[in-house]
Amino acid sequence: MLEGEHDLVIKLTEGWKASGSRLFGSTDMHLLRKCPAPVWLVRPERPVKYARILAAVDPVMTGTSQDELNTLILDLATSLATQEGSELHVVHAWELPGETMLRSGRRALSKTEVDQMVRETRDAHEKALARLVGKYDLSKLKHYRHLLKGRPSEIIRRKAADHQVELIVMGTVGRTGIPGFFIGNTAENLLGQVECSVLTVKPSGFITPVKLAA
């Protein structure tokens, strides 16, 4: 793949949960962690067309690489949804960092103070999501925007299951300069639970640990 400088890797998934195994096998996970190009893992029984596509974004994470990643995710998701005539679900999960500690820790704040912080945090995420989605003309697509509080991996998994999503487009966000790692294990946790095809992309600063033989 590195030798050919390909732009996309498409592969059938190795396992299926009906047999008690994970949908993604060891080779799949190896590609997701280390392949610098987008990786599209397809269920063997994929439908002729995807009826529902989910784009998982994080527009509040600022910085050039994250902005580029969110744009790439939506570029791919909207393009595929248009081509396939799919229903598009844009999902963003948010949390107030340290909320549990703020409510019950040794230096806990009042309920009123924490509730205000939660509202302000939600408002910031809502505005960021609106700005990102507002860059796209979705008038010809049946689409939904989901802003939900909770752990990203759990929120994305639940929405995918609730809406019978057939393809998730998401980032496997590598820490710049540290090859083969996910930030916060969100992607790693999610990919162990979903039961649909997945198209993953990495930020421009991702460095693969795979080296070509001399």
Protein backbone atom coordinates (compact mmCIF):
# COMPACT_ATOMS: atom_id res chain seq x y z
CA MET A 1 0.00 0.00 0.00
CA LEU A 2 2.82 2.41 0.91
CA GLU A 3 4.71 1.52 -2.25
CA GLY A 4 1.75 2.34 -4.47
CA GLU A 5 0.82 5.51 -2.54
CA HIS A 6 -2.86 4.52 -2.72
CA ASP A 7 -5.56 6.89 -1.46
CA LEU A 8 -7.97 4.28 -0.06
CA VAL A 9 -7.90 0.72 1.30
CA ILE A 10 -11.13 -1.33 1.06
CA LYS A 11 -11.34 -4.67 2.85
CA LEU A 12 -14.01 -7.16 3.90
CA THR A 13 -14.25 -7.54 7.67
CA GLU A 14 -12.78 -10.72 9.14
CA GLY A 15 -15.45 -11.77 11.63
CA TRP A 16 -19.11 -11.37 12.53
CA LYS A 17 -20.77 -11.24 15.90
CA ALA A 18 -23.27 -13.96 15.13
CA SER A 19 -20.41 -16.40 15.64
CA GLY A 20 -19.47 -14.79 18.94
CA SER A 21 -16.45 -13.02 17.49
CA ARG A 22 -15.72 -9.34 16.99
CA LEU A 23 -16.72 -7.84 13.68
CA PHE A 24 -13.17 -6.58 13.19
CA GLY A 25 -10.30 -9.06 13.33
CA SER A 26 -6.63 -8.53 14.11
CA THR A 27 -5.70 -7.58 10.54
CA ASP A 28 -8.56 -5.09 10.42
CA MET A 29 -7.44 -3.45 13.66
CA HIS A 30 -3.84 -3.40 12.45
CA LEU A 31 -4.93 -1.47 9.35
CA LEU A 32 -7.11 0.91 11.36
CA ARG A 33 -4.24 1.73 13.70
CA LYS A 34 -1.40 2.03 11.23
CA CYS A 35 -2.56 2.57 7.65
CA PRO A 36 -2.01 6.24 6.66
CA ALA A 37 -4.75 6.14 3.99
CA PRO A 38 -8.48 5.98 4.71
CA VAL A 39 -9.58 2.41 5.51
CA TRP A 40 -13.03 1.15 4.50
CA LEU A 41 -13.98 -2.08 6.27
CA VAL A 42 -17.05 -3.60 4.64
CA ARG A 43 -19.37 -6.23 6.08
CA PRO A 44 -19.52 -9.25 3.74
CA GLU A 45 -23.31 -8.93 3.47
CA ARG A 46 -23.32 -5.17 2.77
CA PRO A 47 -26.51 -4.00 1.06
CA VAL A 48 -26.59 -2.88 -2.56
CA LYS A 49 -26.85 0.68 -1.25
CA TYR A 50 -26.33 2.15 2.21
CA ALA A 51 -29.71 3.35 3.45
CA ARG A 52 -28.30 5.18 6.49
CA ILE A 53 -24.84 6.71 7.01
CA LEU A 54 -23.53 8.18 10.27
CA ALA A 55 -20.76 10.81 10.37
CA ALA A 56 -19.07 11.08 13.78
CA VAL A 57 -17.47 14.51 14.25
CA ASP A 58 -15.85 16.55 17.02
CA PRO A 59 -16.01 20.21 15.90
CA VAL A 60 -15.02 21.65 19.29
CA MET A 61 -11.54 20.13 19.10
CA THR A 62 -9.63 23.03 17.55
CA GLY A 63 -6.44 22.98 15.54
CA THR A 64 -5.61 22.57 11.89
CA SER A 65 -5.42 18.75 11.87
CA GLN A 66 -8.71 18.34 13.76
CA ASP A 67 -10.48 20.88 11.57
CA GLU A 68 -9.20 19.06 8.49
CA LEU A 69 -10.35 15.74 9.93
CA ASN A 70 -13.89 16.95 10.61
CA THR A 71 -14.05 18.38 7.10
CA LEU A 72 -12.78 15.15 5.55
CA ILE A 73 -15.31 13.09 7.53
CA LEU A 74 -18.22 15.24 6.35
CA ASP A 75 -16.88 15.51 2.81
CA LEU A 76 -16.87 11.72 2.55
CA ALA A 77 -20.16 11.19 4.38
CA THR A 78 -22.11 13.78 2.39
CA SER A 79 -20.63 12.61 -0.91
CA LEU A 80 -21.52 8.98 -0.20
CA ALA A 81 -24.99 9.88 1.09
CA THR A 82 -25.66 11.86 -2.08
CA GLN A 83 -24.36 9.10 -4.32
CA GLU A 84 -26.22 6.33 -2.48
CA GLY A 85 -29.40 8.28 -1.73
CA SER A 86 -28.77 7.65 1.96
CA GLU A 87 -30.21 9.15 5.12
CA LEU A 88 -27.38 11.07 6.83
CA HIS A 89 -26.91 11.30 10.60
CA VAL A 90 -24.26 13.72 11.90
CA VAL A 91 -23.40 12.84 15.49
CA HIS A 92 -21.38 14.78 18.06
CA ALA A 93 -21.01 13.68 21.68
CA TRP A 94 -20.03 16.13 24.40
CA GLU A 95 -19.27 16.16 28.11
CA LEU A 96 -18.32 18.68 30.78
CA PRO A 97 -14.80 17.59 31.78
CA GLY A 98 -14.63 16.67 35.44
CA GLU A 99 -18.37 17.09 36.04
CA THR A 100 -18.53 14.26 38.59
CA MET A 101 -15.69 15.78 40.59
CA LEU A 102 -17.23 19.23 40.37
CA ARG A 103 -20.49 17.88 41.80
CA SER A 104 -19.19 15.57 44.50
CA GLY A 105 -15.45 16.03 44.98
CA ARG A 106 -13.68 17.58 47.92
CA ARG A 107 -13.97 20.99 46.28
CA ALA A 108 -17.45 20.48 44.87
CA LEU A 109 -19.29 23.50 43.52
CA SER A 110 -22.95 24.23 44.07
CA LYS A 111 -25.53 22.52 41.88
CA THR A 112 -26.45 25.89 40.39
CA GLU A 113 -22.85 26.61 39.39
CA VAL A 114 -22.28 23.21 37.82
CA ASP A 115 -25.62 23.26 36.00
CA GLN A 116 -24.65 26.63 34.53
CA MET A 117 -21.30 25.22 33.39
CA VAL A 118 -23.11 22.28 31.78
CA ARG A 119 -25.45 24.62 29.88
CA GLU A 120 -22.57 26.80 28.71
CA THR A 121 -20.59 23.75 27.59
CA ARG A 122 -23.56 22.37 25.68
CA ASP A 123 -24.17 25.74 24.02
CA ALA A 124 -20.54 25.92 22.89
CA HIS A 125 -20.73 22.44 21.38
CA GLU A 126 -24.06 23.19 19.72
CA LYS A 127 -22.67 26.33 18.07
CA ALA A 128 -19.54 24.52 16.91
CA LEU A 129 -21.60 21.70 15.39
CA ALA A 130 -23.91 24.19 13.67
CA ARG A 131 -20.90 26.03 12.17
CA LEU A 132 -19.43 22.81 10.83
CA VAL A 133 -22.65 21.41 9.36
CA GLY A 134 -23.57 24.86 8.03
CA LYS A 135 -20.69 24.64 5.55
CA TYR A 136 -22.58 21.96 3.61
CA ASP A 137 -25.65 22.17 1.42
CA LEU A 138 -27.75 19.32 2.76
CA SER A 139 -31.02 20.53 1.27
CA LYS A 140 -31.23 17.53 -1.06
CA LEU A 141 -30.40 15.00 1.66
CA LYS A 142 -32.62 13.58 4.36
CA HIS A 143 -30.40 14.41 7.29
CA TYR A 144 -30.39 14.64 11.08
CA ARG A 145 -28.06 16.38 13.51
CA HIS A 146 -27.52 14.73 16.89
CA LEU A 147 -25.88 16.55 19.81
CA LEU A 148 -25.82 14.19 22.78
CA LYS A 149 -24.19 14.22 26.19
CA GLY A 150 -22.04 11.22 27.07
CA ARG A 151 -18.99 9.19 26.13
CA PRO A 152 -18.40 9.44 22.38
CA SER A 153 -17.93 5.69 21.82
CA GLU A 154 -21.18 4.85 23.63
CA ILE A 155 -23.17 7.66 22.00
CA ILE A 156 -22.04 6.73 18.48
CA ARG A 157 -22.66 3.02 19.08
CA ARG A 158 -26.15 3.68 20.44
CA LYS A 159 -27.19 6.04 17.64
CA ALA A 160 -25.87 3.62 15.03
CA ALA A 161 -27.94 0.83 16.58
CA ASP A 162 -31.06 2.97 17.11
CA HIS A 163 -31.14 4.12 13.50
CA GLN A 164 -29.90 0.85 11.96
CA VAL A 165 -26.91 2.63 10.44
CA GLU A 166 -25.09 0.64 7.78
CA LEU A 167 -21.93 2.77 7.50
CA ILE A 168 -20.08 4.91 10.04
CA VAL A 169 -17.62 7.52 8.77
CA MET A 170 -15.25 8.58 11.55
CA GLY A 171 -11.73 9.58 12.44
CA THR A 172 -9.16 7.38 14.10
CA VAL A 173 -7.34 10.38 15.48
CA GLY A 174 -3.63 9.72 15.86
CA ARG A 175 -1.53 11.89 18.13
CA THR A 176 0.77 13.82 15.84
CA GLY A 177 4.24 12.30 15.92
CA ILE A 178 3.18 9.20 17.88
CA PRO A 179 2.54 6.44 15.36
CA GLY A 180 -0.36 4.03 15.67
CA PHE A 181 -2.24 5.56 18.62
CA PHE A 182 -5.79 6.81 19.15
CA ILE A 183 -6.57 9.81 21.33
CA GLY A 184 -8.69 8.77 24.33
CA ASN A 185 -9.32 5.29 22.87
CA THR A 186 -12.68 6.51 21.50
CA ALA A 187 -12.16 4.83 18.14
CA GLU A 188 -10.68 1.70 19.70
CA ASN A 189 -13.61 1.29 22.09
CA LEU A 190 -16.21 1.97 19.43
CA LEU A 191 -14.77 -0.40 16.87
CA GLY A 192 -15.07 -3.26 19.35
CA GLN A 193 -18.83 -2.74 19.58
CA VAL A 194 -20.35 -1.63 16.27
CA GLU A 195 -22.01 -4.06 13.88
CA CYS A 196 -21.82 -2.15 10.60
CA SER A 197 -19.30 -1.18 7.95
CA VAL A 198 -16.83 1.57 8.92
CA LEU A 199 -14.89 4.11 6.86
CA THR A 200 -12.06 5.63 8.92
CA VAL A 201 -9.75 8.54 8.19
CA LYS A 202 -6.70 9.97 9.93
CA PRO A 203 -5.43 13.54 10.32
CA SER A 204 -2.77 14.88 7.98
CA GLY A 205 -0.16 14.77 10.75
CA PHE A 206 -0.51 11.03 11.29
CA ILE A 207 2.78 9.11 11.05
CA THR A 208 2.56 5.40 10.29
CA PRO A 209 4.99 3.14 12.17
CA VAL A 210 5.17 0.85 9.11
CA LYS A 211 8.40 1.20 7.15
CA LEU A 212 9.22 0.02 3.65
CA ALA A 213 11.98 -2.56 3.39
CA ALA A 214 15.23 -1.16 2.08
